[in-house]
Structure formats: C-alpha cells, structure tokens
Amino acid sequence: MFWPCLPGFIVLGPRFCSDKQSQLHRGSRTAIRRKIGLYQLNYCVGQRVEMQVSVYRRARNNVRHFLEGRVACYKAVLPFVDGKAGLEIGGPSAVFERWLTPLPIYERVGSLDNCDLSRNTAWASHADAYTFSRNKAPGKNIFRDASDLSSIANHSYDFVLSSHNLEHFANPVKALLEWKRVTRPGGALVLVLPNYAKTFDHRRTPTTVEHMFQDLERGTPEDDLTHLPEILDKHDVSRDAGVGSAEEFRSRALDNFNNRCLHHHVFDQTNGRELLTRCGMEVLAVELAIPCHIFLLARIP
C-alpha cells in the first residue's frame, strides 16, 4: 500500500514516508527548485494528486538508511521467512524491498501471496498474480477483507507480513486473530505500524488495548465511524499529503468504507506490544525506525 496518510512521501515507493516533506511551503520549494531541481510524481488517491519531491530530500533519506542500516531485528526475522511461504496483507511494501530499506526480506522468502481489499485500492492496482520482486516468482492475490480470511485454511502459511495496515481496521483484534489462525504454529507475524508521534496522528492519544478488545466483543464492523469526531478534531492536515484541505479530508473520511484511509486506532511501541501479547503471540522484538515505523516480530504458538 502507498500511504498518503503519512507525513510527506518519497519516491522509494509504498509505505515509505519522508519526514518533514509536508512542511515544504511554496517559497522553500521554489528555492530548492532553483538549486537542485525537482521530480514530480503523479498518482491517484481517489483523485489525482501531484507531489514534488526534491532530489536532495530523496538522497538525504537514502543516506540516513545507508548509515543506520537495517533494523536490529533483521537477523531475528530471517529464520521465520528464509525460503518459507508467507502471506502479506496489503502489499507490496517498500520497507521489505531490496535496497536501502530497514527490513529487506522480499529476496529471502520462498513464496509470497497477498491479500487486499479489491483489485483497485487507494494505494495499488492488482492483477491475479502478486509481483513483489523481480527476482522471485509471483504469488497470488486474494481479494477480500483481511479481517475475514475464511477462504484460507488454518495454518496455511509460515509467516504473515503487514506494513502500515492494522491502523486502518475498525476491528484490529479480529484481523490479528485471523492472521494468527492462517499461520502455522512456530511461525511469525512481522508487523509494521506507524508511530503516531511521527505522523499526522501526533495530536491523538494511543488507543488502549482494552478498547480494541471491546471492538472485538461488540463485533465492530469495518464501516464503523466511532473515532471520526476525534479524527476530524485532531488530524493534522498539514502533515497529510493525500488531502489539500480540512474539508477535503472530511469528505474522504465520510467515505472511509470505500477508501479505507482512516486511522481508526493509533499506536506506539507500548500498545503495539501489549496488543500482540493479548492476542496470544510471543513478542520477540519491538523496534522504532526512521522516519515513522514501529517494527514488531511475534511468534505464533
């Protein structure tokens, strides 16, 4: 998925946000254009959105990743994915790609299928085959809501990958329990969440795990808009590259069941760890990474 809802975007691809990109105002863009030039990206997020990304900012982000390297949990993740069969939720994800990424595991997996809501979403367009790497045979795309994987048998996969997806589920515990069900015992969930403090959610408070379990008990559906008043009040539009104004954001939010752009719940490393633990998983690693990622590795019992 490509995240227009994180603060500024970079040309490296889906779910890879450049911190402070959205803070460029017209004057500073003009100054940078005169000095080093700009690339212009055109993409569709329900409507055509134009972004200008400076070569300088792209290079700076690459250098930061080169210097900081892979996340420390990379070696802990490898035994769970190396040569094994996995399912990704809402892929492809730039954080798993080969070059200058914090967790480059696409090249290590044996096979990888993908589950997405439909063939065409706000972030991607899919064929029947799921192409995640030029060096790997494509997997298959499964088109359905990832909180209901009833078409997939128990213990079908060795691991599940999800990057910047769980916050978009109105009933995240239901989704996690489904991902756990389709994973073989001893397998793993590799989960990447947005660090709320580094995104347009920074004015909100991390959602309690108790609240998320109440959503499960109530059977909260995916068209739920319980959090909409809070979101409209605290959403930092200036950090949201996917919308141009508060009114535009409100219009998109009201149609959330069709576009799934809302962050129903917000996360930090504390509630992320607690959530996986209460879902019956063994959390092996929790790590923050630039610019706005929380990496979690959890073993399935």
Protein backbone atom coordinates (compact mmCIF):
# COMPACT_ATOMS: atom_id res chain seq x y z
CA MET A 1 0.00 0.00 0.00
CA PHE A 2 1.05 3.53 -0.66
CA TRP A 3 0.41 5.75 2.33
CA PRO A 4 -0.86 9.22 1.52
CA CYS A 5 -1.79 9.48 5.15
CA LEU A 6 1.77 9.69 6.48
CA PRO A 7 3.75 12.91 6.63
CA GLY A 8 5.09 13.52 3.13
CA PHE A 9 6.05 10.89 0.54
CA ILE A 10 9.21 9.83 -1.13
CA VAL A 11 9.72 8.16 -4.48
CA LEU A 12 11.11 5.00 -2.93
CA GLY A 13 7.61 3.53 -3.04
CA PRO A 14 4.71 2.32 -0.87
CA ARG A 15 4.67 2.95 2.84
CA PHE A 16 7.97 4.84 2.76
CA CYS A 17 7.40 8.34 4.10
CA SER A 18 9.90 11.18 4.16
CA ASP A 19 9.80 13.09 7.41
CA LYS A 20 9.15 16.81 7.12
CA GLN A 21 8.33 16.57 3.39
CA SER A 22 4.91 18.00 4.04
CA GLN A 23 6.45 21.02 5.73
CA LEU A 24 7.75 22.40 2.44
CA HIS A 25 5.89 25.57 1.63
CA ARG A 26 5.81 27.23 -1.73
CA GLY A 27 8.72 29.56 -1.06
CA SER A 28 11.06 26.83 0.08
CA ARG A 29 10.06 24.62 -2.85
CA THR A 30 10.89 27.43 -5.23
CA ALA A 31 14.28 27.91 -3.61
CA ILE A 32 15.08 24.21 -3.79
CA ARG A 33 13.87 24.03 -7.41
CA ARG A 34 16.33 26.75 -8.40
CA LYS A 35 19.21 24.96 -6.69
CA ILE A 36 18.75 21.28 -7.39
CA GLY A 37 15.53 20.65 -9.38
CA LEU A 38 12.52 18.51 -8.62
CA TYR A 39 10.96 15.26 -9.65
CA GLN A 40 7.21 15.31 -9.94
CA LEU A 41 5.08 12.37 -9.02
CA ASN A 42 1.57 11.83 -10.24
CA TYR A 43 -0.53 9.22 -8.51
CA CYS A 44 -4.14 8.57 -7.77
CA VAL A 45 -5.67 8.54 -4.30
CA GLY A 46 -9.32 8.62 -5.21
CA GLN A 47 -8.34 11.64 -7.26
CA ARG A 48 -5.16 12.86 -8.96
CA VAL A 49 -2.64 14.30 -6.53
CA GLU A 50 0.57 15.94 -7.61
CA MET A 51 3.63 15.94 -5.41
CA GLN A 52 7.04 17.39 -5.92
CA VAL A 53 9.88 15.55 -4.27
CA SER A 54 13.31 17.10 -4.22
CA VAL A 55 16.36 15.12 -5.25
CA TYR A 56 18.08 16.45 -2.16
CA ARG A 57 15.47 15.07 0.25
CA ARG A 58 15.38 11.73 -1.52
CA ALA A 59 19.16 11.42 -1.34
CA ARG A 60 19.24 12.51 2.31
CA ASN A 61 16.73 9.83 3.29
CA ASN A 62 18.72 7.18 1.39
CA VAL A 63 21.93 8.25 3.15
CA ARG A 64 20.24 8.02 6.55
CA HIS A 65 19.14 4.46 5.84
CA PHE A 66 22.58 3.59 4.49
CA LEU A 67 24.25 4.90 7.65
CA GLU A 68 21.74 3.42 10.08
CA GLY A 69 21.43 0.17 8.16
CA ARG A 70 18.80 -2.48 8.64
CA VAL A 71 16.73 -2.67 11.76
CA ALA A 72 18.41 -4.62 14.55
CA CYS A 73 15.69 -7.30 14.44
CA TYR A 74 16.55 -8.20 10.80
CA LYS A 75 18.56 -11.28 11.82
CA ALA A 76 15.82 -12.37 14.21
CA VAL A 77 13.25 -12.18 11.39
CA LEU A 78 15.26 -14.20 8.84
CA PRO A 79 14.73 -17.70 10.31
CA PHE A 80 10.97 -17.18 10.09
CA VAL A 81 10.92 -16.11 6.41
CA ASP A 82 14.03 -17.55 4.74
CA GLY A 83 12.84 -19.88 1.97
CA LYS A 84 9.38 -20.11 3.52
CA ALA A 85 5.81 -19.48 2.38
CA GLY A 86 4.12 -16.29 3.51
CA LEU A 87 1.05 -14.11 3.18
CA GLU A 88 1.28 -10.34 3.00
CA ILE A 89 -1.60 -8.06 3.94
CA GLY A 90 -1.99 -5.08 1.63
CA GLY A 91 1.32 -5.41 -0.18
CA PRO A 92 3.65 -4.66 -1.75
CA SER A 93 5.53 -2.72 0.91
CA ALA A 94 8.69 -0.69 0.32
CA VAL A 95 10.07 -1.46 3.79
CA PHE A 96 10.56 -5.10 2.67
CA GLU A 97 12.22 -4.33 -0.67
CA ARG A 98 15.86 -4.94 -1.51
CA TRP A 99 17.66 -1.62 -1.50
CA LEU A 100 18.07 0.93 1.28
CA THR A 101 15.16 -0.36 3.33
CA PRO A 102 15.03 -1.26 7.03
CA LEU A 103 13.83 -4.86 6.57
CA PRO A 104 14.73 -6.20 3.07
CA ILE A 105 13.18 -9.67 3.25
CA TYR A 106 11.37 -10.00 -0.09
CA GLU A 107 14.53 -11.52 -1.59
CA ARG A 108 14.72 -14.12 1.17
CA VAL A 109 11.19 -15.55 1.15
CA GLY A 110 10.38 -18.79 -0.61
CA SER A 111 6.97 -17.65 -1.82
CA LEU A 112 4.55 -14.87 -1.01
CA ASP A 113 0.83 -14.38 -1.59
CA ASN A 114 -1.03 -11.15 -0.92
CA CYS A 115 -4.44 -10.22 0.47
CA ASP A 116 -6.01 -6.90 -0.42
CA LEU A 117 -9.49 -5.48 -0.24
CA SER A 118 -10.02 -5.34 -4.01
CA ARG A 119 -8.19 -5.16 -7.31
CA ASN A 120 -8.06 -1.38 -7.10
CA THR A 121 -7.50 0.44 -3.82
CA ALA A 122 -6.28 3.90 -2.87
CA TRP A 123 -2.75 2.53 -2.84
CA ALA A 124 -2.42 -0.14 -5.51
CA SER A 125 -3.90 -1.89 -8.53
CA HIS A 126 -3.58 -5.67 -8.63
CA ALA A 127 -3.68 -8.44 -11.20
CA ASP A 128 -4.35 -12.07 -10.31
CA ALA A 129 -0.62 -12.61 -9.84
CA TYR A 130 1.16 -10.86 -6.99
CA THR A 131 4.52 -9.47 -8.12
CA PHE A 132 6.58 -8.38 -5.13
CA SER A 133 10.11 -8.83 -6.51
CA ARG A 134 11.66 -9.02 -9.95
CA ASN A 135 13.82 -11.88 -8.70
CA LYS A 136 11.03 -14.04 -7.30
CA ALA A 137 8.16 -15.95 -8.87
CA PRO A 138 4.86 -14.11 -8.37
CA GLY A 139 2.44 -15.30 -5.74
CA LYS A 140 -1.33 -14.94 -5.96
CA ASN A 141 -3.58 -12.08 -4.95
CA ILE A 142 -6.52 -12.86 -2.68
CA PHE A 143 -9.24 -10.23 -2.85
CA ARG A 144 -11.16 -9.95 0.40
CA ASP A 145 -11.23 -8.06 3.67
CA ALA A 146 -8.18 -9.18 5.63
CA SER A 147 -10.20 -9.39 8.85
CA ASP A 148 -12.09 -12.32 7.27
CA LEU A 149 -9.76 -14.88 5.71
CA SER A 150 -12.36 -17.66 5.75
CA SER A 151 -11.29 -18.77 2.27
CA ILE A 152 -7.85 -19.68 3.67
CA ALA A 153 -7.41 -22.87 5.68
CA ASN A 154 -5.88 -22.92 9.14
CA HIS A 155 -2.06 -22.97 9.29
CA SER A 156 -1.63 -22.34 5.55
CA TYR A 157 1.43 -20.09 5.83
CA ASP A 158 4.74 -19.96 7.65
CA PHE A 159 4.54 -16.21 8.25
CA VAL A 160 2.36 -13.14 7.73
CA LEU A 161 3.66 -9.68 6.78
CA SER A 162 1.76 -6.44 7.33
CA SER A 163 3.09 -2.91 6.96
CA HIS A 164 1.02 0.15 7.86
CA ASN A 165 -2.27 -1.72 7.62
CA LEU A 166 -3.57 -2.57 11.07
CA GLU A 167 -4.42 1.04 11.94
CA HIS A 168 -6.94 1.03 9.08
CA PHE A 169 -9.03 -1.76 10.64
CA ALA A 170 -12.02 -0.76 12.75
CA ASN A 171 -11.73 -4.18 14.42
CA PRO A 172 -7.97 -4.84 14.62
CA VAL A 173 -8.13 -7.74 17.07
CA LYS A 174 -10.42 -9.65 14.70
CA ALA A 175 -7.88 -9.10 11.93
CA LEU A 176 -4.94 -10.19 14.08
CA LEU A 177 -6.70 -13.36 15.18
CA GLU A 178 -7.35 -14.24 11.54
CA TRP A 179 -3.69 -13.65 10.65
CA LYS A 180 -2.71 -15.83 13.59
CA ARG A 181 -5.13 -18.57 12.50
CA VAL A 182 -3.69 -18.91 8.99
CA THR A 183 -0.10 -19.07 10.32
CA ARG A 184 1.45 -22.38 11.27
CA PRO A 185 2.45 -22.93 14.92
CA GLY A 186 6.01 -21.73 15.36
CA GLY A 187 5.58 -19.26 12.52
CA ALA A 188 5.66 -15.49 12.82
CA LEU A 189 3.88 -12.22 12.29
CA VAL A 190 6.08 -9.38 11.03
CA LEU A 191 4.08 -6.26 11.77
CA VAL A 192 4.96 -2.66 10.93
CA LEU A 193 2.85 0.09 12.48
CA PRO A 194 3.03 3.88 12.08
CA ASN A 195 4.48 5.61 15.13
CA TYR A 196 1.67 8.05 15.87
CA ALA A 197 4.07 10.69 17.24
CA LYS A 198 5.75 10.95 13.83
CA THR A 199 2.62 11.14 11.68
CA PHE A 200 -0.46 13.30 11.24
CA ASP A 201 -1.89 11.46 14.28
CA HIS A 202 0.56 13.15 16.67
CA ARG A 203 -2.24 15.13 18.38
CA ARG A 204 -4.12 11.95 19.28
CA THR A 205 -3.56 9.56 22.19
CA PRO A 206 -2.53 5.94 21.55
CA THR A 207 -5.59 3.70 21.62
CA THR A 208 -5.90 1.45 24.65
CA VAL A 209 -5.71 -2.27 24.04
CA GLU A 210 -8.83 -2.66 26.16
CA HIS A 211 -10.75 -0.51 23.68
CA MET A 212 -9.57 -2.66 20.77
CA PHE A 213 -10.75 -5.80 22.54
CA GLN A 214 -14.09 -4.13 23.18
CA ASP A 215 -14.34 -3.65 19.40
CA LEU A 216 -13.92 -7.41 19.06
CA GLU A 217 -16.57 -8.14 21.71
CA ARG A 218 -19.03 -5.73 20.11
CA GLY A 219 -18.38 -7.14 16.66
CA THR A 220 -17.46 -3.69 15.37
CA PRO A 221 -17.86 -3.71 11.56
CA GLU A 222 -15.40 -2.15 9.14
CA ASP A 223 -17.83 0.64 8.23
CA ASP A 224 -17.72 1.90 11.83
CA LEU A 225 -17.00 5.62 12.30
CA THR A 226 -16.83 5.76 16.10
CA HIS A 227 -13.50 7.57 16.03
CA LEU A 228 -14.45 10.05 13.33
CA PRO A 229 -15.16 13.04 15.65
CA GLU A 230 -11.76 12.63 17.32
CA ILE A 231 -10.03 12.21 13.96
CA LEU A 232 -11.65 15.30 12.44
CA ASP A 233 -10.75 17.33 15.53
CA LYS A 234 -7.12 16.23 15.87
CA HIS A 235 -5.97 15.23 12.40
CA ASP A 236 -3.01 17.38 11.29
CA VAL A 237 -3.93 18.13 7.69
CA SER A 238 -0.62 19.91 7.16
CA ARG A 239 1.10 16.52 7.51
CA ASP A 240 -1.29 14.64 5.26
CA ALA A 241 -0.02 14.67 1.68
CA GLY A 242 -3.16 12.91 0.46
CA VAL A 243 -5.52 15.83 1.04
CA GLY A 244 -5.37 19.53 0.31
CA SER A 245 -7.74 20.89 2.95
CA ALA A 246 -9.70 20.00 6.07
CA GLU A 247 -12.91 19.87 4.05
CA GLU A 248 -11.36 17.52 1.52
CA PHE A 249 -10.18 15.30 4.37
CA ARG A 250 -13.65 15.30 5.93
CA SER A 251 -15.21 14.27 2.62
CA ARG A 252 -12.76 11.41 2.23
CA ALA A 253 -13.25 10.32 5.85
CA LEU A 254 -17.03 10.08 5.47
CA ASP A 255 -16.47 7.66 2.58
CA ASN A 256 -13.99 5.59 4.55
CA PHE A 257 -15.65 2.21 3.95
CA ASN A 258 -14.81 2.58 0.26
CA ASN A 259 -11.34 4.10 0.55
CA ARG A 260 -10.16 2.74 3.98
CA CYS A 261 -7.84 5.70 4.55
CA LEU A 262 -8.79 6.48 8.16
CA HIS A 263 -6.55 5.52 11.05
CA HIS A 264 -9.21 4.15 13.41
CA HIS A 265 -6.61 3.45 16.09
CA VAL A 266 -3.18 4.90 16.77
CA PHE A 267 -0.11 3.10 18.04
CA ASP A 268 3.15 3.43 19.88
CA GLN A 269 5.55 0.65 20.80
CA THR A 270 3.82 0.04 24.15
CA ASN A 271 0.28 -0.66 22.98
CA GLY A 272 1.63 -2.47 19.91
CA ARG A 273 3.47 -4.97 22.09
CA GLU A 274 0.57 -5.35 24.52
CA LEU A 275 -1.90 -5.93 21.71
CA LEU A 276 0.07 -8.81 20.20
CA THR A 277 0.67 -10.34 23.62
CA ARG A 278 -3.04 -10.27 24.47
CA CYS A 279 -3.76 -11.89 21.11
CA GLY A 280 -1.71 -14.84 22.29
CA MET A 281 1.53 -14.19 20.41
CA GLU A 282 5.05 -14.14 21.81
CA VAL A 283 6.62 -10.77 21.03
CA LEU A 284 10.30 -11.25 20.19
CA ALA A 285 11.23 -7.74 19.09
CA VAL A 286 9.90 -4.18 19.09
CA GLU A 287 11.94 -1.53 17.31
CA LEU A 288 11.49 2.04 16.12
CA ALA A 289 12.93 3.08 12.75
CA ILE A 290 13.04 6.27 10.71
CA PRO A 291 11.01 8.03 9.70
CA CYS A 292 7.81 6.73 11.33
CA HIS A 293 7.92 2.92 11.70
CA ILE A 294 7.36 0.55 14.61
CA PHE A 295 8.63 -2.96 13.77
CA LEU A 296 7.26 -5.89 15.73
CA LEU A 297 8.18 -9.54 15.42
CA ALA A 298 5.91 -12.06 17.12
CA ARG A 299 6.00 -15.86 17.22
CA ILE A 300 2.78 -17.82 16.78
CA PRO A 301 2.45 -20.53 19.48
